[in-house]
């Protein structure tokens, strides 16, 4: 078994975050990642798409974190951006937005589902997430920047959603949610923090390696791909 490739699928660069794509990429590569997804919030996008660096086998994937409270408008944004990004994330935080995201198979990840006194998920929504292969995002930045009752609430919500994810086999994606270089953590630090928060070692590892790779594979089909369910095979593919 080869060395795992680690990915951080929620990183925010200027004008959403504090650092440039180049700065975030250089540090992430230094920390041991194979790639990151640049996922600025949809209300803080740069005026023009940045050139994404590709060095030493490290790749920056084009992503977005959609922010929209109206479910109908959210579906419109999903349709608008789906073909132009590798990773499509929805910023949750209400029952209607969470439902709209989890019932839409074009969404890759739902981040920040919690709201009011709810963790943001229930059995119906967890089942929808599993059926539509929408991952639940677990971001570590809120935990690092919270204290006291706020941190207790975050941990409680995380564990409640983790129980539902296990019950319904919902995929998980573990990421930094970084708004600056100071929010980035090495893969080993991220895995250790995830285990402290309640994830098993294999769950945390899959959430930072296998599930991100599966998302990219799904959104970047091979050269023989015609449409979903159909693929052209070359003669050597049969050998």
Protein backbone atom coordinates (compact mmCIF):
# COMPACT_ATOMS: atom_id res chain seq x y z
CA UNK A 1 0.00 0.00 0.00
CA UNK A 2 1.48 3.35 -1.04
CA UNK A 3 1.88 6.43 1.06
CA UNK A 4 -1.50 8.20 1.48
CA UNK A 5 -2.08 11.54 -0.20
CA UNK A 6 -3.56 14.17 2.09
CA UNK A 7 -5.92 16.93 0.98
CA UNK A 8 -7.39 20.04 2.59
CA UNK A 9 -10.63 20.75 0.73
CA UNK A 10 -11.65 24.06 2.32
CA UNK A 11 -9.08 26.85 2.17
CA UNK A 12 -9.99 30.53 1.72
CA UNK A 13 -7.63 32.94 -0.07
CA UNK A 14 -7.89 36.70 -0.64
CA UNK A 15 -10.29 38.48 -0.83
CA UNK A 16 -12.12 36.00 1.41
CA UNK A 17 -9.10 35.08 3.51
CA UNK A 18 -5.92 36.90 4.49
CA UNK A 19 -3.31 35.19 2.29
CA UNK A 20 -2.76 34.61 -1.41
CA UNK A 21 -3.23 31.30 -3.20
CA UNK A 22 0.54 31.07 -3.64
CA UNK A 23 1.22 31.57 0.08
CA UNK A 24 -1.39 29.02 1.16
CA UNK A 25 -0.22 26.51 -1.44
CA UNK A 26 3.45 26.83 -0.47
CA UNK A 27 2.70 26.26 3.21
CA UNK A 28 0.26 23.40 2.58
CA UNK A 29 2.86 21.64 0.41
CA UNK A 30 5.49 22.19 3.12
CA UNK A 31 3.15 20.69 5.72
CA UNK A 32 2.74 17.51 3.66
CA UNK A 33 -0.44 17.92 1.63
CA UNK A 34 -0.77 16.69 -1.94
CA UNK A 35 -3.40 19.30 -2.74
CA UNK A 36 -5.88 21.85 -1.45
CA UNK A 37 -9.21 23.14 -2.69
CA UNK A 38 -9.47 26.91 -2.96
CA UNK A 39 -13.04 27.38 -1.72
CA UNK A 40 -13.81 31.05 -1.22
CA UNK A 41 -17.33 31.91 -0.15
CA UNK A 42 -19.52 32.81 -3.09
CA UNK A 43 -20.06 36.34 -1.76
CA UNK A 44 -16.29 36.96 -1.58
CA UNK A 45 -14.93 35.76 -4.89
CA UNK A 46 -11.99 37.48 -6.62
CA UNK A 47 -12.84 39.66 -9.61
CA UNK A 48 -11.06 37.23 -11.92
CA UNK A 49 -10.20 33.58 -11.48
CA UNK A 50 -6.68 33.21 -10.08
CA UNK A 51 -4.06 31.11 -11.84
CA UNK A 52 -3.78 27.97 -9.75
CA UNK A 53 -0.19 26.85 -9.14
CA UNK A 54 0.96 23.30 -9.82
CA UNK A 55 4.41 22.45 -8.46
CA UNK A 56 6.16 19.29 -7.30
CA UNK A 57 3.05 17.18 -7.76
CA UNK A 58 1.03 19.51 -5.51
CA UNK A 59 -2.28 20.67 -6.98
CA UNK A 60 -4.71 23.44 -6.14
CA UNK A 61 -8.26 22.47 -7.04
CA UNK A 62 -10.83 25.05 -8.01
CA UNK A 63 -13.66 25.12 -5.51
CA UNK A 64 -16.36 27.32 -4.03
CA UNK A 65 -18.40 27.51 -0.81
CA UNK A 66 -21.88 28.68 -1.70
CA UNK A 67 -23.60 31.04 0.73
CA UNK A 68 -27.32 31.45 0.12
CA UNK A 69 -30.28 31.24 2.50
CA UNK A 70 -32.95 30.82 -0.18
CA UNK A 71 -33.13 27.17 -1.35
CA UNK A 72 -34.36 28.08 -4.84
CA UNK A 73 -31.53 30.57 -5.33
CA UNK A 74 -29.10 28.02 -3.90
CA UNK A 75 -30.08 25.48 -6.55
CA UNK A 76 -29.52 28.19 -9.14
CA UNK A 77 -26.01 28.84 -7.81
CA UNK A 78 -25.27 25.12 -7.83
CA UNK A 79 -26.23 24.95 -11.49
CA UNK A 80 -24.20 28.07 -12.26
CA UNK A 81 -20.94 26.91 -10.69
CA UNK A 82 -21.06 23.11 -10.91
CA UNK A 83 -19.24 22.72 -14.23
CA UNK A 84 -16.56 25.30 -13.44
CA UNK A 85 -15.31 23.89 -10.11
CA UNK A 86 -13.75 20.67 -8.90
CA UNK A 87 -15.19 20.93 -5.38
CA UNK A 88 -18.63 22.42 -4.69
CA UNK A 89 -19.37 23.13 -1.04
CA UNK A 90 -22.54 24.55 0.51
CA UNK A 91 -22.32 26.63 3.69
CA UNK A 92 -25.24 25.34 5.74
CA UNK A 93 -26.80 26.64 8.90
CA UNK A 94 -30.57 26.25 8.51
CA UNK A 95 -32.84 23.27 8.02
CA UNK A 96 -33.99 24.43 4.58
CA UNK A 97 -30.48 25.10 3.27
CA UNK A 98 -29.16 21.83 4.69
CA UNK A 99 -31.99 19.91 3.08
CA UNK A 100 -31.52 21.63 -0.27
CA UNK A 101 -27.82 20.78 -0.24
CA UNK A 102 -28.13 17.17 0.90
CA UNK A 103 -30.89 16.37 -1.56
CA UNK A 104 -28.85 17.67 -4.51
CA UNK A 105 -26.35 15.12 -5.91
CA UNK A 106 -24.40 17.91 -7.63
CA UNK A 107 -23.20 19.11 -4.21
CA UNK A 108 -19.96 17.58 -2.93
CA UNK A 109 -19.81 18.78 0.69
CA UNK A 110 -22.08 20.45 3.25
CA UNK A 111 -20.12 22.55 5.76
CA UNK A 112 -21.36 24.13 8.99
CA UNK A 113 -24.81 22.49 9.16
CA UNK A 114 -25.50 23.42 12.82
CA UNK A 115 -27.99 26.13 13.77
CA UNK A 116 -29.87 27.33 16.89
CA UNK A 117 -30.07 24.30 19.20
CA UNK A 118 -29.65 21.74 16.42
CA UNK A 119 -26.56 19.97 15.12
CA UNK A 120 -28.10 20.52 11.68
CA UNK A 121 -28.65 16.88 10.82
CA UNK A 122 -31.34 14.33 11.57
CA UNK A 123 -32.11 10.84 10.34
CA UNK A 124 -33.94 12.07 7.24
CA UNK A 125 -31.14 14.43 6.20
CA UNK A 126 -28.42 11.88 6.95
CA UNK A 127 -30.20 9.35 4.77
CA UNK A 128 -30.47 11.94 1.96
CA UNK A 129 -26.75 12.68 2.27
CA UNK A 130 -25.91 8.99 1.92
CA UNK A 131 -28.26 8.49 -1.04
CA UNK A 132 -26.88 11.51 -2.91
CA UNK A 133 -23.23 10.96 -1.86
CA UNK A 134 -22.96 14.42 -0.29
CA UNK A 135 -20.20 14.52 2.33
CA UNK A 136 -20.50 16.26 5.66
CA UNK A 137 -17.61 18.66 6.15
CA UNK A 138 -15.80 18.74 9.48
CA UNK A 139 -13.74 21.94 9.68
CA UNK A 140 -11.23 22.45 12.48
CA UNK A 141 -10.91 26.25 12.37
CA UNK A 142 -14.05 26.91 14.45
CA UNK A 143 -12.73 24.55 17.14
CA UNK A 144 -9.34 26.25 17.21
CA UNK A 145 -10.87 29.73 17.53
CA UNK A 146 -13.58 28.95 20.10
CA UNK A 147 -13.47 28.74 23.88
CA UNK A 148 -15.75 27.73 26.75
CA UNK A 149 -19.43 27.04 26.02
CA UNK A 150 -18.99 27.73 22.31
CA UNK A 151 -16.38 24.98 21.98
CA UNK A 152 -18.50 22.60 24.05
CA UNK A 153 -21.43 23.22 21.70
CA UNK A 154 -19.27 22.64 18.61
CA UNK A 155 -17.99 19.34 19.97
CA UNK A 156 -21.50 18.24 20.92
CA UNK A 157 -22.81 19.01 17.42
CA UNK A 158 -19.86 17.26 15.80
CA UNK A 159 -20.39 14.08 17.80
CA UNK A 160 -24.14 14.06 17.13
CA UNK A 161 -23.51 14.38 13.38
CA UNK A 162 -20.77 11.78 13.55
CA UNK A 163 -23.20 9.27 15.09
CA UNK A 164 -25.66 9.88 12.24
CA UNK A 165 -22.91 9.64 9.63
CA UNK A 166 -21.86 6.27 11.00
CA UNK A 167 -25.43 4.97 11.14
CA UNK A 168 -26.23 5.91 7.54
CA UNK A 169 -22.74 5.55 6.05
CA UNK A 170 -22.45 9.24 5.14
CA UNK A 171 -19.03 10.28 3.78
CA UNK A 172 -17.00 12.78 5.80
CA UNK A 173 -14.44 15.36 4.67
CA UNK A 174 -11.99 16.72 7.21
CA UNK A 175 -10.53 20.14 6.39
CA UNK A 176 -9.06 23.24 7.98
CA UNK A 177 -11.54 25.88 6.83
CA UNK A 178 -8.45 28.10 6.87
CA UNK A 179 -8.88 31.84 6.50
CA UNK A 180 -5.11 32.41 6.71
CA UNK A 181 -1.83 30.52 6.78
CA UNK A 182 -2.06 30.52 10.59
CA UNK A 183 -5.14 28.26 10.37
CA UNK A 184 -3.38 25.51 8.41
CA UNK A 185 -2.29 22.41 10.33
CA UNK A 186 -0.23 19.46 9.16
CA UNK A 187 -2.11 16.27 8.22
CA UNK A 188 -0.82 14.54 11.37
CA UNK A 189 -2.00 17.39 13.60
CA UNK A 190 -5.38 17.40 11.85
CA UNK A 191 -5.76 13.65 12.29
CA UNK A 192 -4.80 13.85 15.96
CA UNK A 193 -7.31 16.65 16.61
CA UNK A 194 -10.03 14.71 14.80
CA UNK A 195 -9.45 11.68 17.00
CA UNK A 196 -9.65 13.85 20.13
CA UNK A 197 -13.00 15.13 18.80
CA UNK A 198 -14.38 11.60 18.50
CA UNK A 199 -13.39 10.21 15.10
CA UNK A 200 -11.76 6.80 14.87
CA UNK A 201 -8.33 6.70 13.28
CA UNK A 202 -9.58 5.05 10.08
CA UNK A 203 -12.51 7.50 9.82
CA UNK A 204 -10.25 10.53 10.11
CA UNK A 205 -7.75 9.13 7.62
CA UNK A 206 -10.46 8.37 5.06
CA UNK A 207 -11.92 11.87 5.50
CA UNK A 208 -8.63 13.53 4.54
CA UNK A 209 -7.49 11.09 1.83
CA UNK A 210 -9.96 8.70 0.20
CA UNK A 211 -13.14 10.82 0.21
CA UNK A 212 -11.43 13.92 -1.30
CA UNK A 213 -9.84 11.73 -3.99
CA UNK A 214 -13.24 10.25 -4.76
CA UNK A 215 -14.75 13.72 -5.15
CA UNK A 216 -12.06 14.74 -7.63
CA UNK A 217 -12.39 11.46 -9.53
CA UNK A 218 -16.13 12.01 -9.82
CA UNK A 219 -15.81 15.60 -11.03
CA UNK A 220 -12.84 14.99 -13.32
CA UNK A 221 -13.84 11.89 -15.32
CA UNK A 222 -11.25 10.20 -17.49
CA UNK A 223 -10.71 10.88 -21.21
CA UNK A 224 -12.99 8.01 -22.19
CA UNK A 225 -15.96 9.47 -20.33
CA UNK A 226 -19.00 10.30 -22.48
CA UNK A 227 -21.68 10.86 -19.88
CA UNK A 228 -22.63 9.41 -16.51
CA UNK A 229 -22.68 5.62 -16.71
CA UNK A 230 -21.02 5.47 -20.16
CA UNK A 231 -17.31 5.22 -20.87
CA UNK A 232 -15.38 4.50 -24.06
CA UNK A 233 -12.72 1.82 -23.53
CA UNK A 234 -9.60 1.54 -25.62
CA UNK A 235 -8.48 -1.87 -26.83
CA UNK A 236 -5.68 -2.06 -24.25
CA UNK A 237 -8.21 -1.52 -21.46
CA UNK A 238 -9.43 -5.08 -22.03
CA UNK A 239 -5.99 -6.61 -21.59
